[in-house]
Amino acid sequence: MGAIDITLAMQHLRAEVEDQAYVQVLLSAAEDSAAQYLQRQFYADSSALEVAVLGGTAGNDPLVITGSIVAACLLTLGHLYANREDTVTGINVASVVQLPMGSRTLLHPYRVQMGV
């Protein structure tokens, strides 16, 4: 999708340059997750939106990204960057906790059947 500049994402995370490729993967996932939740595509600016509309790839009710969407994506990005696994282990095995925004949250919009 690419609506949020990688430089902003790197600043948000205070990440090192060598992490940029990894951060780009996480940023793409955060943007995709937001678009799935909103059920609409968003674009960096009106020019990108216009190109997508004319190209027939914008979908229903597309929009130019807002500050709230940027913030939501950066929050998701920060979570993914800080928590690189679906669970966090505490001092003992009994304190293993599944994180609320793990892989299932990212994959849920793509599920075809909601069976057990």
PDB file of N, CA and C in Angstrom:
ATOM      1  N   MET A   1       0.832  -1.184   0.000  1.00  0.00           N
ATOM      2  CA  MET A   1       0.000   0.000   0.000  1.00  0.00           C
ATOM      3  C   MET A   1       0.878   1.250   0.000  1.00  0.00           C
ATOM      4  N   GLY A   2       1.755   1.410   0.969  1.00  0.00           N
ATOM      5  CA  GLY A   2       2.740   2.472   0.951  1.00  0.00           C
ATOM      6  C   GLY A   2       2.235   3.879   1.187  1.00  0.00           C
ATOM      7  N   ALA A   3       1.239   4.073   2.025  1.00  0.00           N
ATOM      8  CA  ALA A   3       0.723   5.416   2.288  1.00  0.00           C
ATOM      9  C   ALA A   3       1.562   6.164   3.322  1.00  0.00           C
ATOM     10  N   ILE A   4       2.287   5.430   4.147  1.00  0.00           N
ATOM     11  CA  ILE A   4       3.108   6.039   5.195  1.00  0.00           C
ATOM     12  C   ILE A   4       4.572   5.901   4.807  1.00  0.00           C
ATOM     13  N   ASP A   5       5.299   6.996   4.882  1.00  0.00           N
ATOM     14  CA  ASP A   5       6.708   7.015   4.506  1.00  0.00           C
ATOM     15  C   ASP A   5       7.535   6.192   5.498  1.00  0.00           C
ATOM     16  N   ILE A   6       8.461   5.421   4.973  1.00  0.00           N
ATOM     17  CA  ILE A   6       9.309   4.572   5.809  1.00  0.00           C
ATOM     18  C   ILE A   6      10.146   5.409   6.782  1.00  0.00           C
ATOM     19  N   THR A   7      10.503   6.627   6.393  1.00  0.00           N
ATOM     20  CA  THR A   7      11.285   7.495   7.278  1.00  0.00           C
ATOM     21  C   THR A   7      10.513   7.818   8.550  1.00  0.00           C
ATOM     22  N   LEU A   8       9.227   8.110   8.411  1.00  0.00           N
ATOM     23  CA  LEU A   8       8.383   8.371   9.579  1.00  0.00           C
ATOM     24  C   LEU A   8       8.289   7.127  10.457  1.00  0.00           C
ATOM     25  N   ALA A   9       8.131   5.976   9.821  1.00  0.00           N
ATOM     26  CA  ALA A   9       8.048   4.719  10.568  1.00  0.00           C
ATOM     27  C   ALA A   9       9.342   4.453  11.344  1.00  0.00           C
ATOM     28  N   MET A  10      10.471   4.683  10.699  1.00  0.00           N
ATOM     29  CA  MET A  10      11.760   4.470  11.363  1.00  0.00           C
ATOM     30  C   MET A  10      11.925   5.431  12.546  1.00  0.00           C
ATOM     31  N   GLN A  11      11.508   6.686  12.371  1.00  0.00           N
ATOM     32  CA  GLN A  11      11.581   7.659  13.465  1.00  0.00           C
ATOM     33  C   GLN A  11      10.666   7.249  14.612  1.00  0.00           C
ATOM     34  N   HIS A  12       9.468   6.803  14.274  1.00  0.00           N
ATOM     35  CA  HIS A  12       8.510   6.390  15.302  1.00  0.00           C
ATOM     36  C   HIS A  12       9.088   5.272  16.172  1.00  0.00           C
ATOM     37  N   LEU A  13       9.757   4.336  15.529  1.00  0.00           N
ATOM     38  CA  LEU A  13      10.315   3.186  16.248  1.00  0.00           C
ATOM     39  C   LEU A  13      11.682   3.467  16.861  1.00  0.00           C
ATOM     40  N   ARG A  14      12.295   4.561  16.437  1.00  0.00           N
ATOM     41  CA  ARG A  14      13.692   4.836  16.786  1.00  0.00           C
ATOM     42  C   ARG A  14      14.565   3.651  16.371  1.00  0.00           C
ATOM     43  N   ALA A  15      14.266   3.137  15.180  1.00  0.00           N
ATOM     44  CA  ALA A  15      14.950   1.950  14.667  1.00  0.00           C
ATOM     45  C   ALA A  15      16.256   2.334  13.979  1.00  0.00           C
ATOM     46  N   GLU A  16      17.141   1.381  13.907  1.00  0.00           N
ATOM     47  CA  GLU A  16      18.423   1.558  13.231  1.00  0.00           C
ATOM     48  C   GLU A  16      18.254   1.318  11.730  1.00  0.00           C
ATOM     49  N   VAL A  17      19.122   1.904  10.930  1.00  0.00           N
ATOM     50  CA  VAL A  17      19.051   1.797   9.466  1.00  0.00           C
ATOM     51  C   VAL A  17      19.062   0.341   9.011  1.00  0.00           C
ATOM     52  N   GLU A  18      19.818  -0.503   9.674  1.00  0.00           N
ATOM     53  CA  GLU A  18      19.891  -1.911   9.264  1.00  0.00           C
ATOM     54  C   GLU A  18      18.568  -2.656   9.459  1.00  0.00           C
ATOM     55  N   ASP A  19      17.645  -2.084  10.210  1.00  0.00           N
ATOM     56  CA  ASP A  19      16.323  -2.693  10.413  1.00  0.00           C
ATOM     57  C   ASP A  19      15.291  -2.252   9.375  1.00  0.00           C
ATOM     58  N   GLN A  20      15.667  -1.397   8.429  1.00  0.00           N
ATOM     59  CA  GLN A  20      14.693  -0.785   7.530  1.00  0.00           C
ATOM     60  C   GLN A  20      13.891  -1.794   6.720  1.00  0.00           C
ATOM     61  N   ALA A  21      14.515  -2.825   6.185  1.00  0.00           N
ATOM     62  CA  ALA A  21      13.775  -3.823   5.396  1.00  0.00           C
ATOM     63  C   ALA A  21      12.737  -4.529   6.271  1.00  0.00           C
ATOM     64  N   TYR A  22      13.124  -4.863   7.486  1.00  0.00           N
ATOM     65  CA  TYR A  22      12.196  -5.507   8.421  1.00  0.00           C
ATOM     66  C   TYR A  22      11.056  -4.562   8.798  1.00  0.00           C
ATOM     67  N   VAL A  23      11.387  -3.313   9.073  1.00  0.00           N
ATOM     68  CA  VAL A  23      10.365  -2.319   9.415  1.00  0.00           C
ATOM     69  C   VAL A  23       9.397  -2.140   8.254  1.00  0.00           C
ATOM     70  N   GLN A  24       9.892  -2.178   7.018  1.00  0.00           N
ATOM     71  CA  GLN A  24       9.011  -2.032   5.853  1.00  0.00           C
ATOM     72  C   GLN A  24       7.994  -3.170   5.792  1.00  0.00           C
ATOM     73  N   VAL A  25       8.423  -4.378   6.107  1.00  0.00           N
ATOM     74  CA  VAL A  25       7.493  -5.517   6.145  1.00  0.00           C
ATOM     75  C   VAL A  25       6.410  -5.274   7.191  1.00  0.00           C
ATOM     76  N   LEU A  26       6.813  -4.840   8.374  1.00  0.00           N
ATOM     77  CA  LEU A  26       5.852  -4.589   9.449  1.00  0.00           C
ATOM     78  C   LEU A  26       4.935  -3.413   9.123  1.00  0.00           C
ATOM     79  N   LEU A  27       5.479  -2.381   8.493  1.00  0.00           N
ATOM     80  CA  LEU A  27       4.667  -1.226   8.107  1.00  0.00           C
ATOM     81  C   LEU A  27       3.617  -1.630   7.080  1.00  0.00           C
ATOM     82  N   SER A  28       4.004  -2.442   6.119  1.00  0.00           N
ATOM     83  CA  SER A  28       3.040  -2.935   5.126  1.00  0.00           C
ATOM     84  C   SER A  28       1.936  -3.739   5.800  1.00  0.00           C
ATOM     85  N   ALA A  29       2.309  -4.564   6.771  1.00  0.00           N
ATOM     86  CA  ALA A  29       1.312  -5.351   7.506  1.00  0.00           C
ATOM     87  C   ALA A  29       0.378  -4.442   8.300  1.00  0.00           C
ATOM     88  N   ALA A  30       0.918  -3.412   8.928  1.00  0.00           N
ATOM     89  CA  ALA A  30       0.098  -2.482   9.710  1.00  0.00           C
ATOM     90  C   ALA A  30      -0.882  -1.730   8.813  1.00  0.00           C
ATOM     91  N   GLU A  31      -0.411  -1.275   7.654  1.00  0.00           N
ATOM     92  CA  GLU A  31      -1.290  -0.568   6.718  1.00  0.00           C
ATOM     93  C   GLU A  31      -2.361  -1.502   6.173  1.00  0.00           C
ATOM     94  N   ASP A  32      -1.975  -2.713   5.835  1.00  0.00           N
ATOM     95  CA  ASP A  32      -2.944  -3.680   5.312  1.00  0.00           C
ATOM     96  C   ASP A  32      -3.990  -4.019   6.365  1.00  0.00           C
ATOM     97  N   SER A  33      -3.554  -4.194   7.599  1.00  0.00           N
ATOM     98  CA  SER A  33      -4.484  -4.493   8.683  1.00  0.00           C
ATOM     99  C   SER A  33      -5.492  -3.357   8.859  1.00  0.00           C
ATOM    100  N   ALA A  34      -5.022  -2.124   8.780  1.00  0.00           N
ATOM    101  CA  ALA A  34      -5.922  -0.968   8.898  1.00  0.00           C
ATOM    102  C   ALA A  34      -6.908  -0.916   7.738  1.00  0.00           C
ATOM    103  N   ALA A  35      -6.430  -1.161   6.524  1.00  0.00           N
ATOM    104  CA  ALA A  35      -7.319  -1.145   5.356  1.00  0.00           C
ATOM    105  C   ALA A  35      -8.368  -2.247   5.451  1.00  0.00           C
ATOM    106  N   GLN A  36      -7.977  -3.408   5.947  1.00  0.00           N
ATOM    107  CA  GLN A  36      -8.933  -4.502   6.118  1.00  0.00           C
ATOM    108  C   GLN A  36      -9.985  -4.138   7.162  1.00  0.00           C
ATOM    109  N   TYR A  37      -9.546  -3.535   8.241  1.00  0.00           N
ATOM    110  CA  TYR A  37     -10.481  -3.142   9.297  1.00  0.00           C
ATOM    111  C   TYR A  37     -11.455  -2.075   8.793  1.00  0.00           C
ATOM    112  N   LEU A  38     -10.935  -1.092   8.061  1.00  0.00           N
ATOM    113  CA  LEU A  38     -11.769  -0.012   7.530  1.00  0.00           C
ATOM    114  C   LEU A  38     -12.635  -0.463   6.353  1.00  0.00           C
ATOM    115  N   GLN A  39     -12.239  -1.564   5.737  1.00  0.00           N
ATOM    116  CA  GLN A  39     -12.881  -2.077   4.529  1.00  0.00           C
ATOM    117  C   GLN A  39     -12.836  -1.040   3.412  1.00  0.00           C
ATOM    118  N   ARG A  40     -11.709  -0.349   3.329  1.00  0.00           N
ATOM    119  CA  ARG A  40     -11.475   0.626   2.270  1.00  0.00           C
ATOM    120  C   ARG A  40      -9.987   0.900   2.168  1.00  0.00           C
ATOM    121  N   GLN A  41      -9.564   1.279   0.983  1.00  0.00           N
ATOM    122  CA  GLN A  41      -8.159   1.589   0.744  1.00  0.00           C
ATOM    123  C   GLN A  41      -7.897   3.050   1.085  1.00  0.00           C
ATOM    124  N   PHE A  42      -6.665   3.349   1.503  1.00  0.00           N
ATOM    125  CA  PHE A  42      -6.272   4.734   1.733  1.00  0.00           C
ATOM    126  C   PHE A  42      -4.942   4.984   1.046  1.00  0.00           C
ATOM    127  N   TYR A  43      -4.730   6.241   0.698  1.00  0.00           N
ATOM    128  CA  TYR A  43      -3.586   6.627  -0.122  1.00  0.00           C
ATOM    129  C   TYR A  43      -2.863   7.809   0.503  1.00  0.00           C
ATOM    130  N   ALA A  44      -1.577   7.943   0.161  1.00  0.00           N
ATOM    131  CA  ALA A  44      -0.726   8.970   0.751  1.00  0.00           C
ATOM    132  C   ALA A  44      -1.192  10.382   0.427  1.00  0.00           C
ATOM    133  N   ASP A  45      -1.722  10.595  -0.774  1.00  0.00           N
ATOM    134  CA  ASP A  45      -2.166  11.928  -1.183  1.00  0.00           C
ATOM    135  C   ASP A  45      -3.218  11.814  -2.278  1.00  0.00           C
ATOM    136  N   SER A  46      -3.762  12.955  -2.676  1.00  0.00           N
ATOM    137  CA  SER A  46      -4.841  12.948  -3.670  1.00  0.00           C
ATOM    138  C   SER A  46      -4.365  12.461  -5.029  1.00  0.00           C
ATOM    139  N   SER A  47      -3.098  12.682  -5.365  1.00  0.00           N
ATOM    140  CA  SER A  47      -2.565  12.195  -6.641  1.00  0.00           C
ATOM    141  C   SER A  47      -2.565  10.669  -6.685  1.00  0.00           C
ATOM    142  N   ALA A  48      -2.100  10.049  -5.617  1.00  0.00           N
ATOM    143  CA  ALA A  48      -2.083   8.583  -5.555  1.00  0.00           C
ATOM    144  C   ALA A  48      -3.502   8.031  -5.570  1.00  0.00           C
ATOM    145  N   LEU A  49      -4.411   8.711  -4.892  1.00  0.00           N
ATOM    146  CA  LEU A  49      -5.816   8.302  -4.893  1.00  0.00           C
ATOM    147  C   LEU A  49      -6.391   8.376  -6.301  1.00  0.00           C
ATOM    148  N   GLU A  50      -6.115   9.471  -6.999  1.00  0.00           N
ATOM    149  CA  GLU A  50      -6.630   9.648  -8.359  1.00  0.00           C
ATOM    150  C   GLU A  50      -6.096   8.571  -9.304  1.00  0.00           C
ATOM    151  N   VAL A  51      -4.824   8.251  -9.199  1.00  0.00           N
ATOM    152  CA  VAL A  51      -4.230   7.202 -10.033  1.00  0.00           C
ATOM    153  C   VAL A  51      -4.924   5.868  -9.780  1.00  0.00           C
ATOM    154  N   ALA A  52      -5.175   5.553  -8.515  1.00  0.00           N
ATOM    155  CA  ALA A  52      -5.841   4.291  -8.168  1.00  0.00           C
ATOM    156  C   ALA A  52      -7.277   4.266  -8.680  1.00  0.00           C
ATOM    157  N   VAL A  53      -7.981   5.383  -8.558  1.00  0.00           N
ATOM    158  CA  VAL A  53      -9.365   5.451  -9.045  1.00  0.00           C
ATOM    159  C   VAL A  53      -9.394   5.268 -10.556  1.00  0.00           C
ATOM    160  N   LEU A  54      -8.534   5.986 -11.266  1.00  0.00           N
ATOM    161  CA  LEU A  54      -8.485   5.878 -12.728  1.00  0.00           C
ATOM    162  C   LEU A  54      -8.040   4.489 -13.178  1.00  0.00           C
ATOM    163  N   GLY A  55      -7.188   3.856 -12.382  1.00  0.00           N
ATOM    164  CA  GLY A  55      -6.716   2.509 -12.700  1.00  0.00           C
ATOM    165  C   GLY A  55      -7.680   1.411 -12.287  1.00  0.00           C
ATOM    166  N   GLY A  56      -8.729   1.782 -11.578  1.00  0.00           N
ATOM    167  CA  GLY A  56      -9.721   0.804 -11.149  1.00  0.00           C
ATOM    168  C   GLY A  56      -9.285  -0.069  -9.994  1.00  0.00           C
ATOM    169  N   THR A  57      -8.293   0.383  -9.229  1.00  0.00           N
ATOM    170  CA  THR A  57      -7.782  -0.425  -8.116  1.00  0.00           C
ATOM    171  C   THR A  57      -8.107   0.164  -6.744  1.00  0.00           C
ATOM    172  N   ALA A  58      -8.859   1.254  -6.709  1.00  0.00           N
ATOM    173  CA  ALA A  58      -9.111   1.960  -5.448  1.00  0.00           C
ATOM    174  C   ALA A  58     -10.175   1.309  -4.580  1.00  0.00           C
ATOM    175  N   GLY A  59     -11.013   0.463  -5.162  1.00  0.00           N
ATOM    176  CA  GLY A  59     -12.075  -0.163  -4.384  1.00  0.00           C
ATOM    177  C   GLY A  59     -13.185   0.817  -4.059  1.00  0.00           C
ATOM    178  N   ASN A  60     -14.035   0.423  -3.114  1.00  0.00           N
ATOM    179  CA  ASN A  60     -15.169   1.259  -2.716  1.00  0.00           C
ATOM    180  C   ASN A  60     -14.758   2.293  -1.680  1.00  0.00           C
ATOM    181  N   ASP A  61     -15.173   3.522  -1.886  1.00  0.00           N
ATOM    182  CA  ASP A  61     -15.017   4.604  -0.916  1.00  0.00           C
ATOM    183  C   ASP A  61     -13.572   4.809  -0.445  1.00  0.00           C
ATOM    184  N   PRO A  62     -12.604   4.935  -1.360  1.00  0.00           N
ATOM    185  CA  PRO A  62     -11.216   5.158  -0.958  1.00  0.00           C
ATOM    186  C   PRO A  62     -11.039   6.558  -0.367  1.00  0.00           C
ATOM    187  N   LEU A  63      -9.950   6.764   0.357  1.00  0.00           N
ATOM    188  CA  LEU A  63      -9.705   8.074   0.943  1.00  0.00           C
ATOM    189  C   LEU A  63      -8.221   8.363   1.032  1.00  0.00           C
ATOM    190  N   VAL A  64      -7.901   9.645   1.191  1.00  0.00           N
ATOM    191  CA  VAL A  64      -6.536  10.063   1.478  1.00  0.00           C
ATOM    192  C   VAL A  64      -6.321   9.819   2.966  1.00  0.00           C
ATOM    193  N   ILE A  65      -5.178   9.274   3.302  1.00  0.00           N
ATOM    194  CA  ILE A  65      -4.892   8.911   4.690  1.00  0.00           C
ATOM    195  C   ILE A  65      -5.016  10.128   5.613  1.00  0.00           C
ATOM    196  N   THR A  66      -5.579   9.900   6.776  1.00  0.00           N
ATOM    197  CA  THR A  66      -5.759  10.958   7.779  1.00  0.00           C
ATOM    198  C   THR A  66      -4.742  10.775   8.905  1.00  0.00           C
ATOM    199  N   GLY A  67      -4.614  11.782   9.733  1.00  0.00           N
ATOM    200  CA  GLY A  67      -3.723  11.674  10.886  1.00  0.00           C
ATOM    201  C   GLY A  67      -4.098  10.535  11.809  1.00  0.00           C
ATOM    202  N   SER A  68      -5.390  10.305  11.960  1.00  0.00           N
ATOM    203  CA  SER A  68      -5.847   9.205  12.822  1.00  0.00           C
ATOM    204  C   SER A  68      -5.446   7.853  12.262  1.00  0.00           C
ATOM    205  N   ILE A  69      -5.537   7.696  10.948  1.00  0.00           N
ATOM    206  CA  ILE A  69      -5.146   6.426  10.329  1.00  0.00           C
ATOM    207  C   ILE A  69      -3.640   6.240  10.431  1.00  0.00           C
ATOM    208  N   VAL A  70      -2.883   7.315  10.213  1.00  0.00           N
ATOM    209  CA  VAL A  70      -1.426   7.234  10.373  1.00  0.00           C
ATOM    210  C   VAL A  70      -1.092   6.803  11.796  1.00  0.00           C
ATOM    211  N   ALA A  71      -1.713   7.444  12.780  1.00  0.00           N
ATOM    212  CA  ALA A  71      -1.439   7.111  14.185  1.00  0.00           C
ATOM    213  C   ALA A  71      -1.798   5.661  14.486  1.00  0.00           C
ATOM    214  N   ALA A  72      -2.942   5.197  13.978  1.00  0.00           N
ATOM    215  CA  ALA A  72      -3.352   3.807  14.204  1.00  0.00           C
ATOM    216  C   ALA A  72      -2.342   2.842  13.594  1.00  0.00           C
ATOM    217  N   CYS A  73      -1.891   3.141  12.391  1.00  0.00           N
ATOM    218  CA  CYS A  73      -0.900   2.278  11.737  1.00  0.00           C
ATOM    219  C   CYS A  73       0.417   2.281  12.501  1.00  0.00           C
ATOM    220  N   LEU A  74       0.831   3.444  12.983  1.00  0.00           N
ATOM    221  CA  LEU A  74       2.076   3.517  13.745  1.00  0.00           C
ATOM    222  C   LEU A  74       1.962   2.794  15.082  1.00  0.00           C
ATOM    223  N   LEU A  75       0.792   2.845  15.712  1.00  0.00           N
ATOM    224  CA  LEU A  75       0.590   2.076  16.948  1.00  0.00           C
ATOM    225  C   LEU A  75       0.720   0.579  16.674  1.00  0.00           C
ATOM    226  N   THR A  76       0.093   0.128  15.597  1.00  0.00           N
ATOM    227  CA  THR A  76       0.189  -1.287  15.225  1.00  0.00           C
ATOM    228  C   THR A  76       1.627  -1.648  14.896  1.00  0.00           C
ATOM    229  N   LEU A  77       2.296  -0.789  14.140  1.00  0.00           N
ATOM    230  CA  LEU A  77       3.696  -1.012  13.791  1.00  0.00           C
ATOM    231  C   LEU A  77       4.553  -1.136  15.045  1.00  0.00           C
ATOM    232  N   GLY A  78       4.365  -0.227  15.987  1.00  0.00           N
ATOM    233  CA  GLY A  78       5.134  -0.273  17.227  1.00  0.00           C
ATOM    234  C   GLY A  78       4.912  -1.558  17.994  1.00  0.00           C
ATOM    235  N   HIS A  79       3.664  -2.001  18.015  1.00  0.00           N
ATOM    236  CA  HIS A  79       3.339  -3.253  18.691  1.00  0.00           C
ATOM    237  C   HIS A  79       4.045  -4.428  18.013  1.00  0.00           C
ATOM    238  N   LEU A  80       3.972  -4.482  16.683  1.00  0.00           N
ATOM    239  CA  LEU A  80       4.599  -5.582  15.951  1.00  0.00           C
ATOM    240  C   LEU A  80       6.118  -5.573  16.120  1.00  0.00           C
ATOM    241  N   TYR A  81       6.704  -4.399  16.150  1.00  0.00           N
ATOM    242  CA  TYR A  81       8.153  -4.272  16.282  1.00  0.00           C
ATOM    243  C   TYR A  81       8.620  -4.665  17.682  1.00  0.00           C
ATOM    244  N   ALA A  82       7.873  -4.257  18.683  1.00  0.00           N
ATOM    245  CA  ALA A  82       8.264  -4.533  20.073  1.00  0.00           C
ATOM    246  C   ALA A  82       7.962  -5.964  20.490  1.00  0.00           C
ATOM    247  N   ASN A  83       6.930  -6.554  19.906  1.00  0.00           N
ATOM    248  CA  ASN A  83       6.485  -7.894  20.296  1.00  0.00           C
ATOM    249  C   ASN A  83       6.574  -8.809  19.081  1.00  0.00           C
ATOM    250  N   ARG A  84       7.686  -9.453  18.927  1.00  0.00           N
ATOM    251  CA  ARG A  84       7.963 -10.210  17.707  1.00  0.00           C
ATOM    252  C   ARG A  84       7.443 -11.635  17.742  1.00  0.00           C
ATOM    253  N   GLU A  85       6.700 -11.967  18.764  1.00  0.00           N
ATOM    254  CA  GLU A  85       6.081 -13.284  18.872  1.00  0.00           C
ATOM    255  C   GLU A  85       4.651 -13.111  19.355  1.00  0.00           C
ATOM    256  N   ASP A  86       3.833 -14.154  19.191  1.00  0.00           N
ATOM    257  CA  ASP A  86       2.435 -14.097  19.602  1.00  0.00           C
ATOM    258  C   ASP A  86       2.244 -14.165  21.113  1.00  0.00           C
ATOM    259  N   THR A  87       3.263 -14.598  21.833  1.00  0.00           N
ATOM    260  CA  THR A  87       3.138 -14.732  23.283  1.00  0.00           C
ATOM    261  C   THR A  87       4.301 -14.043  23.983  1.00  0.00           C
ATOM    262  N   VAL A  88       4.071 -13.690  25.231  1.00  0.00           N
ATOM    263  CA  VAL A  88       5.112 -13.131  26.078  1.00  0.00           C
ATOM    264  C   VAL A  88       5.231 -14.047  27.280  1.00  0.00           C
ATOM    265  N   THR A  89       6.443 -14.458  27.596  1.00  0.00           N
ATOM    266  CA  THR A  89       6.673 -15.343  28.726  1.00  0.00           C
ATOM    267  C   THR A  89       7.203 -14.528  29.890  1.00  0.00           C
ATOM    268  N   GLY A  90       6.587 -14.733  31.032  1.00  0.00           N
ATOM    269  CA  GLY A  90       7.017 -14.028  32.238  1.00  0.00           C
ATOM    270  C   GLY A  90       8.085 -14.812  32.969  1.00  0.00           C
ATOM    271  N   ILE A  91       8.065 -14.695  34.269  1.00  0.00           N
ATOM    272  CA  ILE A  91       9.069 -15.336  35.110  1.00  0.00           C
ATOM    273  C   ILE A  91       8.919 -16.847  35.105  1.00  0.00           C
ATOM    274  N   ASN A  92       7.684 -17.336  35.029  1.00  0.00           N
ATOM    275  CA  ASN A  92       7.481 -18.780  35.023  1.00  0.00           C
ATOM    276  C   ASN A  92       6.535 -19.163  33.882  1.00  0.00           C
ATOM    277  N   VAL A  93       6.439 -20.438  33.617  1.00  0.00           N
ATOM    278  CA  VAL A  93       5.621 -20.947  32.515  1.00  0.00           C
ATOM    279  C   VAL A  93       4.151 -20.596  32.690  1.00  0.00           C
ATOM    280  N   ALA A  94       3.687 -20.488  33.916  1.00  0.00           N
ATOM    281  CA  ALA A  94       2.279 -20.180  34.175  1.00  0.00           C
ATOM    282  C   ALA A  94       1.901 -18.769  33.745  1.00  0.00           C
ATOM    283  N   SER A  95       2.879 -17.919  33.504  1.00  0.00           N
ATOM    284  CA  SER A  95       2.567 -16.537  33.151  1.00  0.00           C
ATOM    285  C   SER A  95       2.733 -16.241  31.658  1.00  0.00           C
ATOM    286  N   VAL A  96       2.592 -17.255  30.805  1.00  0.00           N
ATOM    287  CA  VAL A  96       2.624 -17.039  29.356  1.00  0.00           C
ATOM    288  C   VAL A  96       1.321 -16.362  28.952  1.00  0.00           C
ATOM    289  N   VAL A  97       1.418 -15.253  28.236  1.00  0.00           N
ATOM    290  CA  VAL A  97       0.247 -14.474  27.847  1.00  0.00           C
ATOM    291  C   VAL A  97       0.240 -14.294  26.336  1.00  0.00           C
ATOM    292  N   GLN A  98      -0.915 -14.552  25.718  1.00  0.00           N
ATOM    293  CA  GLN A  98      -1.043 -14.301  24.286  1.00  0.00           C
ATOM    294  C   GLN A  98      -1.313 -12.818  24.078  1.00  0.00           C
ATOM    295  N   LEU A  99      -0.554 -12.194  23.199  1.00  0.00           N
ATOM    296  CA  LEU A  99      -0.717 -10.769  22.940  1.00  0.00           C
ATOM    297  C   LEU A  99      -1.982 -10.509  22.135  1.00  0.00           C
ATOM    298  N   PRO A 100      -2.690  -9.425  22.425  1.00  0.00           N
ATOM    299  CA  PRO A 100      -3.968  -9.162  21.765  1.00  0.00           C
ATOM    300  C   PRO A 100      -3.864  -8.779  20.294  1.00  0.00           C
ATOM    301  N   MET A 101      -2.730  -8.293  19.847  1.00  0.00           N
ATOM    302  CA  MET A 101      -2.603  -7.871  18.452  1.00  0.00           C
ATOM    303  C   MET A 101      -1.595  -8.742  17.714  1.00  0.00           C
ATOM    304  N   GLY A 102      -1.641 -10.039  17.918  1.00  0.00           N
ATOM    305  CA  GLY A 102      -0.704 -10.946  17.292  1.00  0.00           C
ATOM    306  C   GLY A 102      -1.116 -11.332  15.885  1.00  0.00           C
ATOM    307  N   SER A 103      -0.626 -12.460  15.448  1.00  0.00           N
ATOM    308  CA  SER A 103      -0.844 -12.892  14.069  1.00  0.00           C
ATOM    309  C   SER A 103      -2.313 -13.099  13.744  1.00  0.00           C
ATOM    310  N   ARG A 104      -3.096 -13.551  14.696  1.00  0.00           N
ATOM    311  CA  ARG A 104      -4.522 -13.784  14.416  1.00  0.00           C
ATOM    312  C   ARG A 104      -5.240 -12.488  14.047  1.00  0.00           C
ATOM    313  N   THR A 105      -4.880 -11.397  14.682  1.00  0.00           N
ATOM    314  CA  THR A 105      -5.494 -10.112  14.351  1.00  0.00           C
ATOM    315  C   THR A 105      -5.194  -9.725  12.911  1.00  0.00           C
ATOM    316  N   LEU A 106      -3.973  -9.965  12.467  1.00  0.00           N
ATOM    317  CA  LEU A 106      -3.593  -9.630  11.099  1.00  0.00           C
ATOM    318  C   LEU A 106      -4.227 -10.567  10.084  1.00  0.00           C
ATOM    319  N   LEU A 107      -4.395 -11.821  10.448  1.00  0.00           N
ATOM    320  CA  LEU A 107      -4.909 -12.815   9.511  1.00  0.00           C
ATOM    321  C   LEU A 107      -6.425 -12.910   9.499  1.00  0.00           C
ATOM    322  N   HIS A 108      -7.085 -12.466  10.559  1.00  0.00           N
ATOM    323  CA  HIS A 108      -8.537 -12.632  10.694  1.00  0.00           C
ATOM    324  C   HIS A 108      -9.344 -12.134   9.494  1.00  0.00           C
ATOM    325  N   PRO A 109      -9.060 -10.965   8.912  1.00  0.00           N
ATOM    326  CA  PRO A 109      -9.872 -10.504   7.785  1.00  0.00           C
ATOM    327  C   PRO A 109      -9.808 -11.415   6.557  1.00  0.00           C
ATOM    328  N   TYR A 110      -8.797 -12.254   6.482  1.00  0.00           N
ATOM    329  CA  TYR A 110      -8.619 -13.110   5.317  1.00  0.00           C
ATOM    330  C   TYR A 110      -9.248 -14.489   5.472  1.00  0.00           C
ATOM    331  N   ARG A 111      -9.772 -14.804   6.647  1.00  0.00           N
ATOM    332  CA  ARG A 111     -10.362 -16.129   6.868  1.00  0.00           C
ATOM    333  C   ARG A 111     -11.571 -16.325   5.980  1.00  0.00           C
ATOM    334  N   VAL A 112     -11.660 -17.504   5.388  1.00  0.00           N
ATOM    335  CA  VAL A 112     -12.779 -17.816   4.510  1.00  0.00           C
ATOM    336  C   VAL A 112     -13.913 -18.421   5.308  1.00  0.00           C
ATOM    337  N   GLN A 113     -13.596 -19.368   6.169  1.00  0.00           N
ATOM    338  CA  GLN A 113     -14.613 -20.016   6.984  1.00  0.00           C
ATOM    339  C   GLN A 113     -14.260 -19.805   8.448  1.00  0.00           C
ATOM    340  N   MET A 114     -15.271 -19.562   9.242  1.00  0.00           N
ATOM    341  CA  MET A 114     -15.042 -19.241  10.647  1.00  0.00           C
ATOM    342  C   MET A 114     -15.201 -20.455  11.556  1.00  0.00           C
ATOM    343  N   GLY A 115     -14.951 -21.650  11.036  1.00  0.00           N
ATOM    344  CA  GLY A 115     -15.102 -22.868  11.825  1.00  0.00           C
ATOM    345  C   GLY A 115     -14.163 -22.910  13.007  1.00  0.00           C
ATOM    346  N   VAL A 116     -14.250 -23.985  13.765  1.00  0.00           N
ATOM    347  CA  VAL A 116     -13.471 -24.153  14.982  1.00  0.00           C
ATOM    348  C   VAL A 116     -12.007 -24.197  14.692  1.00  0.00           C
TER     349      VAL A 116
END
